[in-house]
Amino acid sequence: MGPLLRLVRNAATALALTAGALSACSGGAPTPSPAVVHATEAPTFGTSADTWPAATVRLEDGDGTDHVVAVRVAEEPDHRRQGLMGVEEIRPGTGMLFLWDGSERDGGFWMKDTLVPLDIAYIRAGEIVDIQRMEPCVGYGSVSECPSYPPAAPYDTALEVPADWFGDQGIAVGATASVAD
């Protein structure tokens, strides 16, 4: 597990513990756990990404329903460049999480040699700030020949899933996201 993934997991755990402590101190009744919509084991894509760290991303939609996405984590520069290139199928409830050093970014993603349409959620400080559908771009010699999908707002994390998965689950801009073991 890389240091950045460890940092993200530790921060998510600290936030969850703080929220639980505040709830207990307020004397309020515990909130029942929302239903989990998708929970799967570490995804396999048939590429070298299958050896990258695995994690689980928990998304909470506007109704308070949890949605769990099993991901491979791209936190190294060469992993982020490769992403889901060459992957022929991505099962619902799986995807790829892109992590950086915690600084905000504003550059877009491209789909060179990506064979399937994807949705991308740009996430800042645990909140989805933009969701876009991205189309495959195969057969071109350079990245510059493929369209770029810039975000509507700066982000520090990105999550790619099969096209239409976010909409099918009712996940929209404003939903929260956290990384778990």
Protein backbone atom coordinates (compact mmCIF):
# COMPACT_ATOMS: atom_id res chain seq x y z
CA MET A 1 0.00 0.00 0.00
CA GLY A 2 1.46 3.36 -1.02
CA PRO A 3 1.89 6.23 1.43
CA LEU A 4 -0.83 8.33 -0.20
CA LEU A 5 -3.42 5.55 -0.02
CA ARG A 6 -2.46 5.00 3.63
CA LEU A 7 -2.93 8.74 4.29
CA VAL A 8 -6.35 8.77 2.60
CA ARG A 9 -7.48 5.69 4.55
CA ASN A 10 -6.22 7.14 7.85
CA ALA A 11 -8.01 10.43 7.20
CA ALA A 12 -11.26 8.64 6.33
CA THR A 13 -11.01 6.56 9.49
CA ALA A 14 -10.33 9.65 11.62
CA LEU A 15 -13.35 11.45 10.13
CA ALA A 16 -15.60 8.44 10.76
CA LEU A 17 -14.39 8.12 14.36
CA THR A 18 -14.85 11.84 14.98
CA ALA A 19 -18.38 11.74 13.58
CA GLY A 20 -19.21 8.74 15.77
CA ALA A 21 -17.81 10.45 18.86
CA LEU A 22 -19.74 13.64 18.17
CA SER A 23 -22.94 11.65 17.71
CA ALA A 24 -22.37 9.80 20.97
CA CYS A 25 -21.63 13.05 22.83
CA SER A 26 -24.75 14.72 21.47
CA GLY A 27 -26.92 12.05 23.08
CA GLY A 28 -28.62 11.33 19.77
CA ALA A 29 -29.75 7.85 18.86
CA PRO A 30 -27.39 5.98 16.55
CA THR A 31 -28.21 6.24 12.88
CA PRO A 32 -28.98 2.88 11.26
CA SER A 33 -26.56 1.81 8.56
CA PRO A 34 -27.84 2.56 5.07
CA ALA A 35 -28.26 -0.28 2.59
CA VAL A 36 -25.17 -1.23 0.61
CA VAL A 37 -25.99 -1.34 -3.08
CA HIS A 38 -22.83 -2.89 -4.56
CA ALA A 39 -20.06 -4.70 -2.74
CA THR A 40 -17.59 -6.73 -4.75
CA GLU A 41 -14.08 -8.11 -4.34
CA ALA A 42 -11.00 -6.52 -5.92
CA PRO A 43 -11.61 -6.12 -9.63
CA THR A 44 -9.55 -7.82 -12.30
CA PHE A 45 -9.14 -6.18 -15.68
CA GLY A 46 -6.76 -8.52 -17.51
CA THR A 47 -3.98 -5.89 -17.52
CA SER A 48 -1.04 -5.04 -15.26
CA ALA A 49 -3.52 -2.98 -13.20
CA ASP A 50 -4.57 -6.28 -11.60
CA THR A 51 -1.37 -6.09 -9.50
CA TRP A 52 -2.01 -2.54 -8.23
CA PRO A 53 -3.38 -1.89 -4.73
CA ALA A 54 -7.08 -2.59 -4.24
CA ALA A 55 -9.47 -0.52 -2.14
CA THR A 56 -13.14 0.16 -1.66
CA VAL A 57 -14.76 3.52 -2.34
CA ARG A 58 -17.93 4.29 -0.42
CA LEU A 59 -20.27 6.77 -2.09
CA GLU A 60 -23.28 8.21 -0.31
CA ASP A 61 -26.03 9.55 -2.56
CA GLY A 62 -28.49 12.35 -1.76
CA ASP A 63 -30.91 9.89 -0.12
CA GLY A 64 -28.23 8.61 2.28
CA THR A 65 -27.83 5.27 0.50
CA ASP A 66 -24.34 3.80 0.44
CA HIS A 67 -22.88 2.52 -2.82
CA VAL A 68 -19.63 0.58 -2.68
CA VAL A 69 -17.18 0.40 -5.58
CA ALA A 70 -14.29 -2.08 -5.56
CA VAL A 71 -11.33 -0.38 -7.24
CA ARG A 72 -7.75 -0.71 -8.27
CA VAL A 73 -5.76 2.32 -7.14
CA ALA A 74 -3.61 4.31 -9.56
CA GLU A 75 -1.35 6.42 -7.36
CA GLU A 76 1.93 6.15 -9.29
CA PRO A 77 2.45 8.41 -12.36
CA ASP A 78 2.79 5.48 -14.78
CA HIS A 79 -0.33 3.84 -13.31
CA ARG A 80 -2.35 7.05 -13.73
CA ARG A 81 -1.17 7.31 -17.36
CA GLN A 82 -2.21 3.70 -18.07
CA GLY A 83 -5.50 3.76 -16.18
CA LEU A 84 -8.03 1.47 -17.83
CA MET A 85 -6.28 1.30 -21.24
CA GLY A 86 -6.83 -2.03 -22.96
CA VAL A 87 -9.55 -3.18 -20.56
CA GLU A 88 -12.32 -4.94 -22.50
CA GLU A 89 -14.95 -5.15 -19.75
CA ILE A 90 -15.58 -3.42 -16.43
CA ARG A 91 -18.17 -5.00 -14.17
CA PRO A 92 -20.78 -2.79 -12.48
CA GLY A 93 -19.64 -1.81 -9.00
CA THR A 94 -15.95 -1.81 -9.98
CA GLY A 95 -13.57 0.82 -11.28
CA MET A 96 -10.32 2.69 -10.83
CA LEU A 97 -9.43 5.33 -8.26
CA PHE A 98 -6.83 7.94 -9.21
CA LEU A 99 -4.88 9.49 -6.33
CA TRP A 100 -2.28 12.26 -6.21
CA ASP A 101 -0.43 13.95 -3.38
CA GLY A 102 -3.54 15.70 -2.07
CA SER A 103 -3.07 18.91 -4.06
CA GLU A 104 -5.92 20.15 -6.21
CA ARG A 105 -5.80 19.61 -9.96
CA ASP A 106 -7.76 21.00 -12.88
CA GLY A 107 -6.50 18.99 -15.86
CA GLY A 108 -8.83 16.66 -17.70
CA PHE A 109 -8.66 12.96 -18.46
CA TRP A 110 -8.39 11.37 -21.92
CA MET A 111 -9.37 7.92 -23.20
CA LYS A 112 -6.50 6.92 -25.52
CA ASP A 113 -6.60 3.16 -26.09
CA THR A 114 -9.48 2.78 -23.64
CA LEU A 115 -11.91 0.32 -25.18
CA VAL A 116 -15.11 0.92 -23.20
CA PRO A 117 -17.08 4.06 -22.34
CA LEU A 118 -16.59 5.25 -18.78
CA ASP A 119 -18.04 7.71 -16.32
CA ILE A 120 -15.61 9.78 -14.29
CA ALA A 121 -16.36 11.48 -10.99
CA TYR A 122 -14.01 14.30 -10.10
CA ILE A 123 -13.81 14.49 -6.30
CA ARG A 124 -12.54 17.28 -4.04
CA ALA A 125 -12.21 16.86 -0.28
CA GLY A 126 -14.56 13.86 -0.29
CA GLU A 127 -17.32 15.44 -2.40
CA ILE A 128 -18.10 14.77 -6.06
CA VAL A 129 -17.72 18.09 -7.91
CA ASP A 130 -18.34 16.83 -11.46
CA ILE A 131 -19.39 13.66 -13.30
CA GLN A 132 -18.82 13.14 -17.02
CA ARG A 133 -19.23 10.37 -19.55
CA MET A 134 -16.08 9.62 -21.55
CA GLU A 135 -16.03 7.81 -24.89
CA PRO A 136 -13.32 5.36 -26.09
CA CYS A 137 -10.52 6.72 -28.27
CA VAL A 138 -8.81 3.86 -30.09
CA GLY A 139 -6.57 3.77 -33.15
CA TYR A 140 -4.91 7.15 -32.81
CA GLY A 141 -1.16 7.60 -32.61
CA SER A 142 -1.05 10.24 -29.90
CA VAL A 143 -2.97 11.42 -26.89
CA SER A 144 -3.46 14.83 -28.55
CA GLU A 145 -5.78 13.20 -31.11
CA CYS A 146 -8.18 12.08 -28.37
CA PRO A 147 -10.66 14.43 -26.68
CA SER A 148 -9.95 15.57 -23.15
CA TYR A 149 -12.61 15.67 -20.44
CA PRO A 150 -11.77 18.62 -18.18
CA PRO A 151 -13.58 18.93 -14.85
CA ALA A 152 -16.05 21.67 -13.99
CA ALA A 153 -14.12 22.36 -10.76
CA PRO A 154 -10.71 21.54 -9.26
CA TYR A 155 -10.35 18.02 -7.81
CA ASP A 156 -7.90 15.94 -5.77
CA THR A 157 -9.18 12.44 -6.62
CA ALA A 158 -10.94 10.85 -9.59
CA LEU A 159 -13.05 7.70 -9.84
CA GLU A 160 -13.76 5.89 -13.12
CA VAL A 161 -16.58 3.35 -13.40
CA PRO A 162 -18.54 1.80 -16.31
CA ALA A 163 -20.56 4.35 -18.29
CA ASP A 164 -23.95 5.20 -16.77
CA TRP A 165 -23.20 3.49 -13.44
CA PHE A 166 -23.37 6.73 -11.43
CA GLY A 167 -26.72 7.68 -12.96
CA ASP A 168 -28.14 4.18 -12.52
CA GLN A 169 -27.27 4.39 -8.82
CA GLY A 170 -28.63 7.92 -8.37
CA ILE A 171 -25.19 9.32 -7.63
CA ALA A 172 -24.82 12.95 -8.64
CA VAL A 173 -22.64 16.00 -7.99
CA GLY A 174 -22.65 16.64 -4.25
CA ALA A 175 -22.50 12.96 -3.26
CA THR A 176 -19.77 12.11 -0.77
CA ALA A 177 -16.92 9.69 -1.32
CA SER A 178 -14.48 7.99 1.04
CA VAL A 179 -11.87 5.25 0.73
CA ALA A 180 -12.01 2.18 2.98
CA ASP A 181 -10.16 -1.10 3.39
